[in-house]
PDB file of N, CA and C in Angstrom:
ATOM      1  N   MET A   1     150.768  72.851  68.604  1.00  0.00           N
ATOM      2  CA  MET A   1     150.765  71.787  69.589  1.00  0.00           C
ATOM      3  C   MET A   1     150.054  72.266  70.852  1.00  0.00           C
ATOM      4  N   PRO A   2     149.321  71.376  71.478  1.00  0.00           N
ATOM      5  CA  PRO A   2     148.632  71.736  72.717  1.00  0.00           C
ATOM      6  C   PRO A   2     149.606  71.920  73.886  1.00  0.00           C
ATOM      7  N   LEU A   3     149.161  72.668  74.851  1.00  0.00           N
ATOM      8  CA  LEU A   3     149.939  72.936  76.055  1.00  0.00           C
ATOM      9  C   LEU A   3     149.343  72.107  77.189  1.00  0.00           C
ATOM     10  N   TYR A   4     150.167  71.286  77.843  1.00  0.00           N
ATOM     11  CA  TYR A   4     149.706  70.420  78.930  1.00  0.00           C
ATOM     12  C   TYR A   4     150.410  70.799  80.223  1.00  0.00           C
ATOM     13  N   GLU A   5     149.742  70.521  81.343  1.00  0.00           N
ATOM     14  CA  GLU A   5     150.327  70.799  82.654  1.00  0.00           C
ATOM     15  C   GLU A   5     150.740  69.483  83.320  1.00  0.00           C
ATOM     16  N   TYR A   6     151.907  69.528  83.920  1.00  0.00           N
ATOM     17  CA  TYR A   6     152.445  68.393  84.671  1.00  0.00           C
ATOM     18  C   TYR A   6     152.778  68.905  86.065  1.00  0.00           C
ATOM     19  N   GLU A   7     152.803  67.987  87.046  1.00  0.00           N
ATOM     20  CA  GLU A   7     153.074  68.419  88.422  1.00  0.00           C
ATOM     21  C   GLU A   7     154.177  67.575  89.045  1.00  0.00           C
ATOM     22  N   CYS A   8     155.232  68.272  89.452  1.00  0.00           N
ATOM     23  CA  CYS A   8     156.330  67.647  90.186  1.00  0.00           C
ATOM     24  C   CYS A   8     155.948  67.671  91.665  1.00  0.00           C
ATOM     25  N   SER A   9     156.179  66.593  92.375  1.00  0.00           N
ATOM     26  CA  SER A   9     155.812  66.538  93.791  1.00  0.00           C
ATOM     27  C   SER A   9     156.630  67.523  94.631  1.00  0.00           C
ATOM     28  N   ASP A  10     157.818  67.902  94.187  1.00  0.00           N
ATOM     29  CA  ASP A  10     158.661  68.834  94.940  1.00  0.00           C
ATOM     30  C   ASP A  10     158.569  70.272  94.437  1.00  0.00           C
ATOM     31  N   HIS A  11     158.448  70.478  93.128  1.00  0.00           N
ATOM     32  CA  HIS A  11     158.551  71.824  92.574  1.00  0.00           C
ATOM     33  C   HIS A  11     157.253  72.373  91.983  1.00  0.00           C
ATOM     34  N   GLY A  12     156.182  71.634  92.054  1.00  0.00           N
ATOM     35  CA  GLY A  12     154.884  72.149  91.619  1.00  0.00           C
ATOM     36  C   GLY A  12     154.584  71.943  90.139  1.00  0.00           C
ATOM     37  N   VAL A  13     153.691  72.783  89.642  1.00  0.00           N
ATOM     38  CA  VAL A  13     153.135  72.642  88.294  1.00  0.00           C
ATOM     39  C   VAL A  13     154.039  73.323  87.266  1.00  0.00           C
ATOM     40  N   PHE A  14     154.189  72.667  86.106  1.00  0.00           N
ATOM     41  CA  PHE A  14     154.891  73.271  84.972  1.00  0.00           C
ATOM     42  C   PHE A  14     154.168  72.873  83.690  1.00  0.00           C
ATOM     43  N   GLU A  15     154.372  73.661  82.638  1.00  0.00           N
ATOM     44  CA  GLU A  15     153.668  73.443  81.371  1.00  0.00           C
ATOM     45  C   GLU A  15     154.636  72.983  80.292  1.00  0.00           C
ATOM     46  N   VAL A  16     154.124  72.116  79.405  1.00  0.00           N
ATOM     47  CA  VAL A  16     154.928  71.589  78.311  1.00  0.00           C
ATOM     48  C   VAL A  16     154.054  71.501  77.063  1.00  0.00           C
ATOM     49  N   ARG A  17     154.608  71.913  75.912  1.00  0.00           N
ATOM     50  CA  ARG A  17     153.927  71.732  74.631  1.00  0.00           C
ATOM     51  C   ARG A  17     154.336  70.382  74.065  1.00  0.00           C
ATOM     52  N   ARG A  18     153.316  69.532  73.840  1.00  0.00           N
ATOM     53  CA  ARG A  18     153.572  68.186  73.323  1.00  0.00           C
ATOM     54  C   ARG A  18     152.481  67.812  72.348  1.00  0.00           C
ATOM     55  N   SER A  19     152.763  66.795  71.561  1.00  0.00           N
ATOM     56  CA  SER A  19     151.732  66.285  70.659  1.00  0.00           C
ATOM     57  C   SER A  19     150.696  65.512  71.470  1.00  0.00           C
ATOM     58  N   LEU A  20     149.540  65.318  70.886  1.00  0.00           N
ATOM     59  CA  LEU A  20     148.470  64.595  71.567  1.00  0.00           C
ATOM     60  C   LEU A  20     148.888  63.159  71.868  1.00  0.00           C
ATOM     61  N   ALA A  21     149.656  62.548  70.989  1.00  0.00           N
ATOM     62  CA  ALA A  21     150.102  61.164  71.181  1.00  0.00           C
ATOM     63  C   ALA A  21     151.013  61.020  72.400  1.00  0.00           C
ATOM     64  N   GLU A  22     151.779  62.073  72.726  1.00  0.00           N
ATOM     65  CA  GLU A  22     152.721  62.019  73.851  1.00  0.00           C
ATOM     66  C   GLU A  22     152.160  62.604  75.139  1.00  0.00           C
ATOM     67  N   SER A  23     150.927  63.118  75.115  1.00  0.00           N
ATOM     68  CA  SER A  23     150.389  63.860  76.251  1.00  0.00           C
ATOM     69  C   SER A  23     150.219  63.022  77.520  1.00  0.00           C
ATOM     70  N   ALA A  24     149.928  61.736  77.408  1.00  0.00           N
ATOM     71  CA  ALA A  24     149.686  60.903  78.586  1.00  0.00           C
ATOM     72  C   ALA A  24     150.979  60.458  79.271  1.00  0.00           C
ATOM     73  N   GLN A  25     152.105  60.544  78.586  1.00  0.00           N
ATOM     74  CA  GLN A  25     153.375  60.110  79.163  1.00  0.00           C
ATOM     75  C   GLN A  25     153.890  61.154  80.150  1.00  0.00           C
ATOM     76  N   PRO A  26     154.534  60.734  81.240  1.00  0.00           N
ATOM     77  CA  PRO A  26     155.116  61.691  82.187  1.00  0.00           C
ATOM     78  C   PRO A  26     156.220  62.508  81.518  1.00  0.00           C
ATOM     79  N   ASP A  27     156.481  63.696  82.056  1.00  0.00           N
ATOM     80  CA  ASP A  27     157.540  64.551  81.523  1.00  0.00           C
ATOM     81  C   ASP A  27     158.493  64.916  82.657  1.00  0.00           C
ATOM     82  N   ALA A  28     159.729  65.218  82.310  1.00  0.00           N
ATOM     83  CA  ALA A  28     160.750  65.539  83.318  1.00  0.00           C
ATOM     84  C   ALA A  28     160.541  66.951  83.857  1.00  0.00           C
ATOM     85  N   CYS A  29     160.642  67.098  85.168  1.00  0.00           N
ATOM     86  CA  CYS A  29     160.554  68.404  85.818  1.00  0.00           C
ATOM     87  C   CYS A  29     161.743  69.252  85.343  1.00  0.00           C
ATOM     88  N   PRO A  30     161.504  70.520  84.969  1.00  0.00           N
ATOM     89  CA  PRO A  30     162.603  71.350  84.496  1.00  0.00           C
ATOM     90  C   PRO A  30     163.631  71.688  85.582  1.00  0.00           C
ATOM     91  N   VAL A  31     163.264  71.541  86.865  1.00  0.00           N
ATOM     92  CA  VAL A  31     164.183  71.873  87.962  1.00  0.00           C
ATOM     93  C   VAL A  31     165.007  70.651  88.376  1.00  0.00           C
ATOM     94  N   CYS A  32     164.312  69.549  88.702  1.00  0.00           N
ATOM     95  CA  CYS A  32     165.023  68.387  89.239  1.00  0.00           C
ATOM     96  C   CYS A  32     165.172  67.231  88.255  1.00  0.00           C
ATOM     97  N   GLY A  33     164.402  67.240  87.151  1.00  0.00           N
ATOM     98  CA  GLY A  33     164.497  66.176  86.160  1.00  0.00           C
ATOM     99  C   GLY A  33     163.698  64.929  86.484  1.00  0.00           C
ATOM    100  N   ARG A  34     162.949  64.933  87.589  1.00  0.00           N
ATOM    101  CA  ARG A  34     162.149  63.776  87.989  1.00  0.00           C
ATOM    102  C   ARG A  34     160.927  63.647  87.074  1.00  0.00           C
ATOM    103  N   ALA A  35     160.561  62.422  86.739  1.00  0.00           N
ATOM    104  CA  ALA A  35     159.373  62.192  85.913  1.00  0.00           C
ATOM    105  C   ALA A  35     158.133  62.642  86.672  1.00  0.00           C
ATOM    106  N   SER A  36     157.327  63.471  86.020  1.00  0.00           N
ATOM    107  CA  SER A  36     156.136  64.035  86.662  1.00  0.00           C
ATOM    108  C   SER A  36     154.909  63.713  85.826  1.00  0.00           C
ATOM    109  N   PRO A  37     153.798  63.320  86.485  1.00  0.00           N
ATOM    110  CA  PRO A  37     152.589  62.960  85.748  1.00  0.00           C
ATOM    111  C   PRO A  37     151.823  64.195  85.252  1.00  0.00           C
ATOM    112  N   ARG A  38     151.073  63.982  84.213  1.00  0.00           N
ATOM    113  CA  ARG A  38     150.214  65.054  83.688  1.00  0.00           C
ATOM    114  C   ARG A  38     149.028  65.241  84.622  1.00  0.00           C
ATOM    115  N   ILE A  39     148.606  66.478  84.805  1.00  0.00           N
ATOM    116  CA  ILE A  39     147.416  66.767  85.612  1.00  0.00           C
ATOM    117  C   ILE A  39     146.342  67.355  84.703  1.00  0.00           C
ATOM    118  N   VAL A  40     145.105  67.167  85.087  1.00  0.00           N
ATOM    119  CA  VAL A  40     143.987  67.717  84.334  1.00  0.00           C
ATOM    120  C   VAL A  40     143.631  69.053  84.958  1.00  0.00           C
ATOM    121  N   SER A  41     143.584  70.077  84.125  1.00  0.00           N
ATOM    122  CA  SER A  41     143.278  71.414  84.627  1.00  0.00           C
ATOM    123  C   SER A  41     142.252  72.086  83.729  1.00  0.00           C
ATOM    124  N   ALA A  42     141.742  73.199  84.179  1.00  0.00           N
ATOM    125  CA  ALA A  42     140.753  73.959  83.408  1.00  0.00           C
ATOM    126  C   ALA A  42     141.415  74.550  82.168  1.00  0.00           C
ATOM    127  N   PRO A  43     140.647  74.757  81.097  1.00  0.00           N
ATOM    128  CA  PRO A  43     141.206  75.371  79.898  1.00  0.00           C
ATOM    129  C   PRO A  43     141.776  76.757  80.206  1.00  0.00           C
ATOM    130  N   ALA A  44     142.797  77.137  79.491  1.00  0.00           N
ATOM    131  CA  ALA A  44     143.486  78.403  79.739  1.00  0.00           C
ATOM    132  C   ALA A  44     142.850  79.539  78.942  1.00  0.00           C
ATOM    133  N   PHE A  45     141.597  79.873  79.236  1.00  0.00           N
ATOM    134  CA  PHE A  45     140.919  80.946  78.525  1.00  0.00           C
ATOM    135  C   PHE A  45     141.513  82.304  78.843  1.00  0.00           C
ATOM    136  N   ARG A  46     142.157  82.425  79.968  1.00  0.00           N
ATOM    137  CA  ARG A  46     142.733  83.714  80.326  1.00  0.00           C
ATOM    138  C   ARG A  46     143.866  84.106  79.388  1.00  0.00           C
ATOM    139  N   ARG A  47     144.383  83.169  78.637  1.00  0.00           N
ATOM    140  CA  ARG A  47     145.462  83.456  77.706  1.00  0.00           C
ATOM    141  C   ARG A  47     144.945  83.899  76.348  1.00  0.00           C
ATOM    142  N   LEU A  48     143.641  83.807  76.137  1.00  0.00           N
ATOM    143  CA  LEU A  48     143.068  84.230  74.873  1.00  0.00           C
ATOM    144  C   LEU A  48     142.894  85.745  74.860  1.00  0.00           C
ATOM    145  N   ALA A  49     142.908  86.309  73.681  1.00  0.00           N
ATOM    146  CA  ALA A  49     142.633  87.738  73.545  1.00  0.00           C
ATOM    147  C   ALA A  49     141.182  87.996  73.928  1.00  0.00           C
ATOM    148  N   ARG A  50     140.906  89.204  74.386  1.00  0.00           N
ATOM    149  CA  ARG A  50     139.562  89.558  74.827  1.00  0.00           C
ATOM    150  C   ARG A  50     138.534  89.344  73.712  1.00  0.00           C
ATOM    151  N   SER A  51     138.908  89.682  72.474  1.00  0.00           N
ATOM    152  CA  SER A  51     137.990  89.501  71.350  1.00  0.00           C
ATOM    153  C   SER A  51     137.673  88.020  71.125  1.00  0.00           C
ATOM    154  N   GLN A  52     138.657  87.149  71.338  1.00  0.00           N
ATOM    155  CA  GLN A  52     138.416  85.714  71.188  1.00  0.00           C
ATOM    156  C   GLN A  52     137.485  85.189  72.278  1.00  0.00           C
ATOM    157  N   VAL A  53     137.654  85.680  73.499  1.00  0.00           N
ATOM    158  CA  VAL A  53     136.776  85.265  74.594  1.00  0.00           C
ATOM    159  C   VAL A  53     135.339  85.681  74.299  1.00  0.00           C
ATOM    160  N   HIS A  54     135.152  86.930  73.802  1.00  0.00           N
ATOM    161  CA  HIS A  54     133.807  87.393  73.455  1.00  0.00           C
ATOM    162  C   HIS A  54     133.220  86.567  72.315  1.00  0.00           C
ATOM    163  N   ALA A  55     134.028  86.224  71.323  1.00  0.00           N
ATOM    164  CA  ALA A  55     133.543  85.418  70.203  1.00  0.00           C
ATOM    165  C   ALA A  55     133.131  84.025  70.678  1.00  0.00           C
ATOM    166  N   LEU A  56     133.916  83.408  71.543  1.00  0.00           N
ATOM    167  CA  LEU A  56     133.559  82.089  72.078  1.00  0.00           C
ATOM    168  C   LEU A  56     132.269  82.162  72.889  1.00  0.00           C
ATOM    169  N   ASP A  57     132.127  83.219  73.684  1.00  0.00           N
ATOM    170  CA  ASP A  57     130.932  83.393  74.499  1.00  0.00           C
ATOM    171  C   ASP A  57     129.702  83.585  73.612  1.00  0.00           C
ATOM    172  N   ARG A  58     129.824  84.430  72.590  1.00  0.00           N
ATOM    173  CA  ARG A  58     128.720  84.683  71.666  1.00  0.00           C
ATOM    174  C   ARG A  58     128.334  83.395  70.938  1.00  0.00           C
ATOM    175  N   ASN A  59     129.319  82.645  70.519  1.00  0.00           N
ATOM    176  CA  ASN A  59     129.065  81.388  69.815  1.00  0.00           C
ATOM    177  C   ASN A  59     128.346  80.391  70.724  1.00  0.00           C
ATOM    178  N   GLU A  60     128.760  80.301  71.959  1.00  0.00           N
ATOM    179  CA  GLU A  60     128.141  79.375  72.910  1.00  0.00           C
ATOM    180  C   GLU A  60     126.698  79.780  73.195  1.00  0.00           C
ATOM    181  N   ARG A  61     126.437  81.089  73.362  1.00  0.00           N
ATOM    182  CA  ARG A  61     125.069  81.548  73.607  1.00  0.00           C
ATOM    183  C   ARG A  61     124.170  81.261  72.426  1.00  0.00           C
ATOM    184  N   SER A  62     124.659  81.494  71.211  1.00  0.00           N
ATOM    185  CA  SER A  62     123.821  81.301  70.028  1.00  0.00           C
ATOM    186  C   SER A  62     123.528  79.831  69.785  1.00  0.00           C
ATOM    187  N   ARG A  63     124.304  78.964  70.376  1.00  0.00           N
ATOM    188  CA  ARG A  63     124.056  77.530  70.219  1.00  0.00           C
ATOM    189  C   ARG A  63     122.726  77.137  70.858  1.00  0.00           C
ATOM    190  N   TYR A  64     122.399  77.729  71.989  1.00  0.00           N
ATOM    191  CA  TYR A  64     121.186  77.375  72.713  1.00  0.00           C
ATOM    192  C   TYR A  64     120.085  78.420  72.595  1.00  0.00           C
ATOM    193  N   GLU A  65     120.442  79.670  72.364  1.00  0.00           N
ATOM    194  CA  GLU A  65     119.467  80.754  72.280  1.00  0.00           C
ATOM    195  C   GLU A  65     119.724  81.581  71.034  1.00  0.00           C
ATOM    196  N   PRO A  66     119.411  81.056  69.859  1.00  0.00           N
ATOM    197  CA  PRO A  66     119.697  81.824  68.654  1.00  0.00           C
ATOM    198  C   PRO A  66     118.854  83.090  68.590  1.00  0.00           C
ATOM    199  N   LYS A  67     119.444  84.147  68.040  1.00  0.00           N
ATOM    200  CA  LYS A  67     118.709  85.392  67.876  1.00  0.00           C
ATOM    201  C   LYS A  67     117.659  85.210  66.798  1.00  0.00           C
ATOM    202  N   VAL A  68     116.486  85.781  67.028  1.00  0.00           N
ATOM    203  CA  VAL A  68     115.418  85.729  66.042  1.00  0.00           C
ATOM    204  C   VAL A  68     115.356  87.084  65.376  1.00  0.00           C
ATOM    205  N   VAL A  69     115.432  87.086  64.066  1.00  0.00           N
ATOM    206  CA  VAL A  69     115.389  88.327  63.316  1.00  0.00           C
ATOM    207  C   VAL A  69     113.965  88.564  62.858  1.00  0.00           C
ATOM    208  N   HIS A  70     113.420  89.712  63.201  1.00  0.00           N
ATOM    209  CA  HIS A  70     112.070  90.076  62.792  1.00  0.00           C
ATOM    210  C   HIS A  70     112.177  91.065  61.647  1.00  0.00           C
ATOM    211  N   THR A  71     111.420  90.818  60.600  1.00  0.00           N
ATOM    212  CA  THR A  71     111.384  91.757  59.490  1.00  0.00           C
ATOM    213  C   THR A  71     109.980  92.306  59.373  1.00  0.00           C
ATOM    214  N   SER A  72     109.871  93.497  58.876  1.00  0.00           N
ATOM    215  CA  SER A  72     108.554  94.093  58.683  1.00  0.00           C
ATOM    216  C   SER A  72     108.486  94.653  57.269  1.00  0.00           C
ATOM    217  N   ALA A  73     107.267  94.781  56.762  1.00  0.00           N
ATOM    218  CA  ALA A  73     107.077  95.316  55.416  1.00  0.00           C
ATOM    219  C   ALA A  73     107.410  96.805  55.420  1.00  0.00           C
ATOM    220  N   PRO A  74     107.932  97.311  54.315  1.00  0.00           N
ATOM    221  CA  PRO A  74     108.218  98.740  54.232  1.00  0.00           C
ATOM    222  C   PRO A  74     106.928  99.549  54.356  1.00  0.00           C
ATOM    223  N   PRO A  75     106.985 100.752  54.894  1.00  0.00           N
ATOM    224  CA  PRO A  75     105.764 101.540  55.107  1.00  0.00           C
ATOM    225  C   PRO A  75     105.178 102.076  53.804  1.00  0.00           C
ATOM    226  N   GLY A  76     103.852 102.191  53.763  1.00  0.00           N
ATOM    227  CA  GLY A  76     103.126 102.872  52.686  1.00  0.00           C
ATOM    228  C   GLY A  76     103.375 102.348  51.292  1.00  0.00           C
ATOM    229  N   ASP A  77     103.713 103.254  50.372  1.00  0.00           N
ATOM    230  CA  ASP A  77     103.861 102.923  48.959  1.00  0.00           C
ATOM    231  C   ASP A  77     105.209 102.290  48.628  1.00  0.00           C
ATOM    232  N   ALA A  78     106.037 102.060  49.582  1.00  0.00           N
ATOM    233  CA  ALA A  78     107.354 101.484  49.320  1.00  0.00           C
ATOM    234  C   ALA A  78     107.291  99.988  49.047  1.00  0.00           C
ATOM    235  N   ARG A  79     106.106  99.403  49.168  1.00  0.00           N
ATOM    236  CA  ARG A  79     105.964  97.980  48.893  1.00  0.00           C
ATOM    237  C   ARG A  79     106.128  97.718  47.397  1.00  0.00           C
ATOM    238  N   PRO A  80     106.807  96.643  47.045  1.00  0.00           N
ATOM    239  CA  PRO A  80     106.984  96.367  45.614  1.00  0.00           C
ATOM    240  C   PRO A  80     105.657  95.995  44.960  1.00  0.00           C
ATOM    241  N   GLN A  81     105.437  96.482  43.732  1.00  0.00           N
ATOM    242  CA  GLN A  81     104.212  96.204  42.997  1.00  0.00           C
ATOM    243  C   GLN A  81     104.395  94.942  42.172  1.00  0.00           C
ATOM    244  N   LEU A  82     103.351  94.126  42.124  1.00  0.00           N
ATOM    245  CA  LEU A  82     103.388  92.926  41.308  1.00  0.00           C
ATOM    246  C   LEU A  82     103.162  93.320  39.853  1.00  0.00           C
ATOM    247  N   ARG A  83     103.922  92.715  38.963  1.00  0.00           N
ATOM    248  CA  ARG A  83     103.749  92.981  37.537  1.00  0.00           C
ATOM    249  C   ARG A  83     102.765  91.983  36.948  1.00  0.00           C
ATOM    250  N   ARG A  84     102.042  92.415  35.988  1.00  0.00           N
ATOM    251  CA  ARG A  84     101.100  91.538  35.287  1.00  0.00           C
ATOM    252  C   ARG A  84     101.866  90.728  34.249  1.00  0.00           C
ATOM    253  N   ALA A  85     101.375  89.552  33.983  1.00  0.00           N
ATOM    254  CA  ALA A  85     102.056  88.645  33.067  1.00  0.00           C
ATOM    255  C   ALA A  85     102.134  89.197  31.653  1.00  0.00           C
ATOM    256  N   GLY A  86     101.050  89.695  31.096  1.00  0.00           N
ATOM    257  CA  GLY A  86     101.055  90.320  29.783  1.00  0.00           C
ATOM    258  C   GLY A  86     101.591  89.450  28.659  1.00  0.00           C
ATOM    259  N   GLY A  87     101.064  88.262  28.459  1.00  0.00           N
ATOM    260  CA  GLY A  87     101.458  87.455  27.318  1.00  0.00           C
ATOM    261  C   GLY A  87     102.366  86.279  27.662  1.00  0.00           C
ATOM    262  N   TYR A  88     102.736  86.130  28.915  1.00  0.00           N
ATOM    263  CA  TYR A  88     103.558  84.995  29.332  1.00  0.00           C
ATOM    264  C   TYR A  88     102.696  84.094  30.227  1.00  0.00           C
ATOM    265  N   PRO A  89     102.061  83.072  29.671  1.00  0.00           N
ATOM    266  CA  PRO A  89     101.115  82.255  30.456  1.00  0.00           C
ATOM    267  C   PRO A  89     101.764  81.525  31.628  1.00  0.00           C
ATOM    268  N   TRP A  90     103.043  81.262  31.577  1.00  0.00           N
ATOM    269  CA  TRP A  90     103.708  80.572  32.687  1.00  0.00           C
ATOM    270  C   TRP A  90     104.027  81.517  33.847  1.00  0.00           C
ATOM    271  N   ALA A  91     103.842  82.830  33.613  1.00  0.00           N
ATOM    272  CA  ALA A  91     104.169  83.816  34.634  1.00  0.00           C
ATOM    273  C   ALA A  91     102.909  84.467  35.191  1.00  0.00           C
ATOM    274  N   ILE A  92     101.825  83.723  35.291  1.00  0.00           N
ATOM    275  CA  ILE A  92     100.562  84.280  35.785  1.00  0.00           C
ATOM    276  C   ILE A  92     100.743  84.696  37.239  1.00  0.00           C
ATOM    277  N   GLY A  93     100.370  85.929  37.527  1.00  0.00           N
ATOM    278  CA  GLY A  93     100.438  86.450  38.890  1.00  0.00           C
ATOM    279  C   GLY A  93     101.783  87.047  39.258  1.00  0.00           C
ATOM    280  N   HIS A  94     102.702  87.101  38.342  1.00  0.00           N
ATOM    281  CA  HIS A  94     104.022  87.666  38.644  1.00  0.00           C
ATOM    282  C   HIS A  94     104.207  88.992  37.975  1.00  0.00           C
TER     283      HIS A  94
END
C-alpha cells in the first residue's frame, strides 16, 4: 500500500498507509483525532536503499542518453574465415 501524508492544522504532518481508492479522503490526526486533509509532497526517495536510488538514476539517464556500444574486429588472424560451399548450392559464399 502507498504511504500518504496528511496535515493536521494543530499537530502538523503525519503519514498513513492507505489504498489508492481511499487516498483522497481525509484521515484522523493520531494526536487529536481531527479530520486532516491529504497534502501533496515530494516522493520519499530518501527512504530507498542506496542501490535502488542508483538503479533509478541509471534507468532515468538511459532513457534519454542510451549508452552506445562500439565493437571492433579482432586483431590480425583472429578474424573468422569464411567456409566455401563445396557442393551445397544454397550456401554459396558461406
